[in-house]
Amino acid sequence: MAHLAAVRERLWAAASLLPWTVEAGFEVIESIPAVPRDDASGRIDAEILVLTPE
């Protein structure tokens, strides 16, 4: 089973989130660049991470 995680902060990337994903028991198996989309709160989805349990 894979999980998707939207990364909304531009400073966070798959590499910088790696320690926390590993600590939570997940592995990033793919990183998908997302088309930046501003929502009503001004957040932007900059990247989508595909996670699987380790």
PDB file of N, CA and C in Angstrom:
ATOM      1  N   MET A   1       0.847  -1.168   0.000  1.00  0.00           N
ATOM      2  CA  MET A   1       0.000   0.000   0.000  1.00  0.00           C
ATOM      3  C   MET A   1       0.893   1.232   0.000  1.00  0.00           C
ATOM      4  N   ALA A   2       0.598   2.162  -0.890  1.00  0.00           N
ATOM      5  CA  ALA A   2       1.365   3.406  -0.968  1.00  0.00           C
ATOM      6  C   ALA A   2       0.540   4.547  -0.399  1.00  0.00           C
ATOM      7  N   HIS A   3       1.217   5.540   0.119  1.00  0.00           N
ATOM      8  CA  HIS A   3       0.585   6.729   0.672  1.00  0.00           C
ATOM      9  C   HIS A   3       1.134   7.942  -0.065  1.00  0.00           C
ATOM     10  N   LEU A   4       0.296   8.920  -0.284  1.00  0.00           N
ATOM     11  CA  LEU A   4       0.741  10.153  -0.918  1.00  0.00           C
ATOM     12  C   LEU A   4       0.828  11.246   0.127  1.00  0.00           C
ATOM     13  N   ALA A   5       1.869  12.045   0.063  1.00  0.00           N
ATOM     14  CA  ALA A   5       2.041  13.171   0.977  1.00  0.00           C
ATOM     15  C   ALA A   5       2.328  14.413   0.156  1.00  0.00           C
ATOM     16  N   ALA A   6       1.502  15.423   0.312  1.00  0.00           N
ATOM     17  CA  ALA A   6       1.729  16.685  -0.387  1.00  0.00           C
ATOM     18  C   ALA A   6       2.675  17.537   0.437  1.00  0.00           C
ATOM     19  N   VAL A   7       3.743  17.985  -0.187  1.00  0.00           N
ATOM     20  CA  VAL A   7       4.712  18.852   0.466  1.00  0.00           C
ATOM     21  C   VAL A   7       4.357  20.281   0.094  1.00  0.00           C
ATOM     22  N   ARG A   8       3.966  21.058   1.079  1.00  0.00           N
ATOM     23  CA  ARG A   8       3.495  22.401   0.792  1.00  0.00           C
ATOM     24  C   ARG A   8       4.526  23.481   1.079  1.00  0.00           C
ATOM     25  N   GLU A   9       5.530  23.182   1.851  1.00  0.00           N
ATOM     26  CA  GLU A   9       6.565  24.170   2.147  1.00  0.00           C
ATOM     27  C   GLU A   9       7.709  23.981   1.160  1.00  0.00           C
ATOM     28  N   ARG A  10       8.071  25.032   0.461  1.00  0.00           N
ATOM     29  CA  ARG A  10       9.087  24.923  -0.589  1.00  0.00           C
ATOM     30  C   ARG A  10      10.453  24.507  -0.057  1.00  0.00           C
ATOM     31  N   LEU A  11      10.735  24.791   1.205  1.00  0.00           N
ATOM     32  CA  LEU A  11      12.043  24.427   1.763  1.00  0.00           C
ATOM     33  C   LEU A  11      12.128  22.941   2.087  1.00  0.00           C
ATOM     34  N   TRP A  12      10.994  22.271   2.185  1.00  0.00           N
ATOM     35  CA  TRP A  12      10.998  20.842   2.465  1.00  0.00           C
ATOM     36  C   TRP A  12      11.051  20.094   1.148  1.00  0.00           C
ATOM     37  N   ALA A  13      11.957  19.183   1.050  1.00  0.00           N
ATOM     38  CA  ALA A  13      12.070  18.326  -0.122  1.00  0.00           C
ATOM     39  C   ALA A  13      12.212  16.898   0.379  1.00  0.00           C
ATOM     40  N   ALA A  14      12.132  15.961  -0.516  1.00  0.00           N
ATOM     41  CA  ALA A  14      12.225  14.554  -0.119  1.00  0.00           C
ATOM     42  C   ALA A  14      13.481  14.293   0.706  1.00  0.00           C
ATOM     43  N   ALA A  15      14.612  14.862   0.291  1.00  0.00           N
ATOM     44  CA  ALA A  15      15.874  14.626   1.010  1.00  0.00           C
ATOM     45  C   ALA A  15      15.848  15.193   2.422  1.00  0.00           C
ATOM     46  N   SER A  16      15.270  16.378   2.602  1.00  0.00           N
ATOM     47  CA  SER A  16      15.247  16.977   3.938  1.00  0.00           C
ATOM     48  C   SER A  16      14.219  16.309   4.847  1.00  0.00           C
ATOM     49  N   LEU A  17      13.209  15.681   4.262  1.00  0.00           N
ATOM     50  CA  LEU A  17      12.201  14.972   5.070  1.00  0.00           C
ATOM     51  C   LEU A  17      12.590  13.532   5.374  1.00  0.00           C
ATOM     52  N   LEU A  18      13.645  13.042   4.732  1.00  0.00           N
ATOM     53  CA  LEU A  18      14.034  11.635   4.867  1.00  0.00           C
ATOM     54  C   LEU A  18      14.172  11.159   6.314  1.00  0.00           C
ATOM     55  N   PRO A  19      14.867  11.894   7.193  1.00  0.00           N
ATOM     56  CA  PRO A  19      14.988  11.393   8.569  1.00  0.00           C
ATOM     57  C   PRO A  19      13.634  11.173   9.244  1.00  0.00           C
ATOM     58  N   TRP A  20      12.666  12.048   8.960  1.00  0.00           N
ATOM     59  CA  TRP A  20      11.360  11.921   9.604  1.00  0.00           C
ATOM     60  C   TRP A  20      10.512  10.814   8.977  1.00  0.00           C
ATOM     61  N   THR A  21      10.649  10.625   7.676  1.00  0.00           N
ATOM     62  CA  THR A  21       9.880   9.544   7.054  1.00  0.00           C
ATOM     63  C   THR A  21      10.395   8.186   7.529  1.00  0.00           C
ATOM     64  N   VAL A  22      11.713   8.065   7.651  1.00  0.00           N
ATOM     65  CA  VAL A  22      12.310   6.820   8.148  1.00  0.00           C
ATOM     66  C   VAL A  22      11.890   6.590   9.601  1.00  0.00           C
ATOM     67  N   GLU A  23      11.933   7.629  10.421  1.00  0.00           N
ATOM     68  CA  GLU A  23      11.536   7.515  11.831  1.00  0.00           C
ATOM     69  C   GLU A  23      10.083   7.083  11.961  1.00  0.00           C
ATOM     70  N   ALA A  24       9.247   7.527  11.024  1.00  0.00           N
ATOM     71  CA  ALA A  24       7.827   7.160  11.050  1.00  0.00           C
ATOM     72  C   ALA A  24       7.579   5.787  10.431  1.00  0.00           C
ATOM     73  N   GLY A  25       8.636   5.153   9.908  1.00  0.00           N
ATOM     74  CA  GLY A  25       8.504   3.811   9.356  1.00  0.00           C
ATOM     75  C   GLY A  25       8.125   3.769   7.883  1.00  0.00           C
ATOM     76  N   PHE A  26       8.421   4.850   7.156  1.00  0.00           N
ATOM     77  CA  PHE A  26       8.096   4.910   5.734  1.00  0.00           C
ATOM     78  C   PHE A  26       9.346   5.093   4.895  1.00  0.00           C
ATOM     79  N   GLU A  27       9.231   4.720   3.638  1.00  0.00           N
ATOM     80  CA  GLU A  27      10.281   4.936   2.657  1.00  0.00           C
ATOM     81  C   GLU A  27       9.684   5.755   1.514  1.00  0.00           C
ATOM     82  N   VAL A  28      10.409   6.761   1.060  1.00  0.00           N
ATOM     83  CA  VAL A  28       9.973   7.543  -0.096  1.00  0.00           C
ATOM     84  C   VAL A  28      10.397   6.760  -1.336  1.00  0.00           C
ATOM     85  N   ILE A  29       9.418   6.287  -2.110  1.00  0.00           N
ATOM     86  CA  ILE A  29       9.748   5.494  -3.294  1.00  0.00           C
ATOM     87  C   ILE A  29       9.681   6.317  -4.573  1.00  0.00           C
ATOM     88  N   GLU A  30       9.051   7.478  -4.494  1.00  0.00           N
ATOM     89  CA  GLU A  30       8.979   8.337  -5.679  1.00  0.00           C
ATOM     90  C   GLU A  30       8.672   9.762  -5.238  1.00  0.00           C
ATOM     91  N   SER A  31       9.185  10.707  -5.996  1.00  0.00           N
ATOM     92  CA  SER A  31       8.913  12.119  -5.774  1.00  0.00           C
ATOM     93  C   SER A  31       8.360  12.685  -7.073  1.00  0.00           C
ATOM     94  N   ILE A  32       7.188  13.264  -7.004  1.00  0.00           N
ATOM     95  CA  ILE A  32       6.522  13.786  -8.191  1.00  0.00           C
ATOM     96  C   ILE A  32       6.450  15.303  -8.077  1.00  0.00           C
ATOM     97  N   PRO A  33       7.093  16.008  -8.993  1.00  0.00           N
ATOM     98  CA  PRO A  33       6.961  17.464  -8.955  1.00  0.00           C
ATOM     99  C   PRO A  33       5.509  17.838  -9.250  1.00  0.00           C
ATOM    100  N   ALA A  34       4.929  18.641  -8.419  1.00  0.00           N
ATOM    101  CA  ALA A  34       3.537  19.044  -8.600  1.00  0.00           C
ATOM    102  C   ALA A  34       3.484  20.420  -9.239  1.00  0.00           C
ATOM    103  N   VAL A  35       2.430  20.649  -9.964  1.00  0.00           N
ATOM    104  CA  VAL A  35       2.217  21.986 -10.504  1.00  0.00           C
ATOM    105  C   VAL A  35       1.834  22.870  -9.330  1.00  0.00           C
ATOM    106  N   PRO A  36       2.598  23.924  -9.070  1.00  0.00           N
ATOM    107  CA  PRO A  36       2.257  24.790  -7.937  1.00  0.00           C
ATOM    108  C   PRO A  36       0.808  25.276  -8.035  1.00  0.00           C
ATOM    109  N   ARG A  37       0.089  25.125  -6.929  1.00  0.00           N
ATOM    110  CA  ARG A  37      -1.324  25.484  -6.881  1.00  0.00           C
ATOM    111  C   ARG A  37      -1.585  26.187  -5.569  1.00  0.00           C
ATOM    112  N   ASP A  38      -1.953  27.430  -5.623  1.00  0.00           N
ATOM    113  CA  ASP A  38      -2.300  28.161  -4.411  1.00  0.00           C
ATOM    114  C   ASP A  38      -3.710  27.797  -3.987  1.00  0.00           C
ATOM    115  N   ASP A  39      -3.893  27.443  -2.736  1.00  0.00           N
ATOM    116  CA  ASP A  39      -5.246  27.197  -2.240  1.00  0.00           C
ATOM    117  C   ASP A  39      -5.746  28.441  -1.503  1.00  0.00           C
ATOM    118  N   ALA A  40      -6.910  28.381  -0.929  1.00  0.00           N
ATOM    119  CA  ALA A  40      -7.515  29.537  -0.264  1.00  0.00           C
ATOM    120  C   ALA A  40      -6.671  30.045   0.908  1.00  0.00           C
ATOM    121  N   SER A  41      -5.845  29.180   1.488  1.00  0.00           N
ATOM    122  CA  SER A  41      -5.012  29.574   2.625  1.00  0.00           C
ATOM    123  C   SER A  41      -3.643  30.078   2.194  1.00  0.00           C
ATOM    124  N   GLY A  42      -3.402  30.113   0.885  1.00  0.00           N
ATOM    125  CA  GLY A  42      -2.114  30.585   0.393  1.00  0.00           C
ATOM    126  C   GLY A  42      -1.030  29.533   0.399  1.00  0.00           C
ATOM    127  N   ARG A  43      -1.387  28.277   0.633  1.00  0.00           N
ATOM    128  CA  ARG A  43      -0.397  27.198   0.625  1.00  0.00           C
ATOM    129  C   ARG A  43      -0.163  26.718  -0.805  1.00  0.00           C
ATOM    130  N   ILE A  44       0.985  26.134  -1.045  1.00  0.00           N
ATOM    131  CA  ILE A  44       1.347  25.644  -2.369  1.00  0.00           C
ATOM    132  C   ILE A  44       1.807  24.196  -2.253  1.00  0.00           C
ATOM    133  N   ASP A  45       1.243  23.333  -3.089  1.00  0.00           N
ATOM    134  CA  ASP A  45       1.752  21.964  -3.185  1.00  0.00           C
ATOM    135  C   ASP A  45       2.923  21.988  -4.148  1.00  0.00           C
ATOM    136  N   ALA A  46       4.129  21.842  -3.629  1.00  0.00           N
ATOM    137  CA  ALA A  46       5.326  21.912  -4.450  1.00  0.00           C
ATOM    138  C   ALA A  46       5.799  20.544  -4.916  1.00  0.00           C
ATOM    139  N   GLU A  47       5.415  19.505  -4.198  1.00  0.00           N
ATOM    140  CA  GLU A  47       5.911  18.169  -4.504  1.00  0.00           C
ATOM    141  C   GLU A  47       4.963  17.153  -3.873  1.00  0.00           C
ATOM    142  N   ILE A  48       4.823  16.024  -4.524  1.00  0.00           N
ATOM    143  CA  ILE A  48       4.035  14.918  -3.968  1.00  0.00           C
ATOM    144  C   ILE A  48       5.016  13.771  -3.716  1.00  0.00           C
ATOM    145  N   LEU A  49       5.016  13.233  -2.516  1.00  0.00           N
ATOM    146  CA  LEU A  49       5.867  12.100  -2.181  1.00  0.00           C
ATOM    147  C   LEU A  49       5.017  10.833  -2.125  1.00  0.00           C
ATOM    148  N   VAL A  50       5.547   9.758  -2.709  1.00  0.00           N
ATOM    149  CA  VAL A  50       4.892   8.454  -2.627  1.00  0.00           C
ATOM    150  C   VAL A  50       5.647   7.663  -1.563  1.00  0.00           C
ATOM    151  N   LEU A  51       4.928   7.300  -0.499  1.00  0.00           N
ATOM    152  CA  LEU A  51       5.532   6.614   0.651  1.00  0.00           C
ATOM    153  C   LEU A  51       5.004   5.196   0.759  1.00  0.00           C
ATOM    154  N   THR A  52       5.853   4.271   1.183  1.00  0.00           N
ATOM    155  CA  THR A  52       5.418   2.909   1.506  1.00  0.00           C
ATOM    156  C   THR A  52       5.982   2.567   2.881  1.00  0.00           C
ATOM    157  N   PRO A  53       5.262   1.714   3.624  1.00  0.00           N
ATOM    158  CA  PRO A  53       5.801   1.265   4.921  1.00  0.00           C
ATOM    159  C   PRO A  53       7.080   0.466   4.691  1.00  0.00           C
ATOM    160  N   GLU A  54       8.071   0.661   5.555  1.00  0.00           N
ATOM    161  CA  GLU A  54       9.336  -0.093   5.430  1.00  0.00           C
ATOM    162  C   GLU A  54       9.140  -1.488   5.945  1.00  0.00           C
TER     163      GLU A  54
END
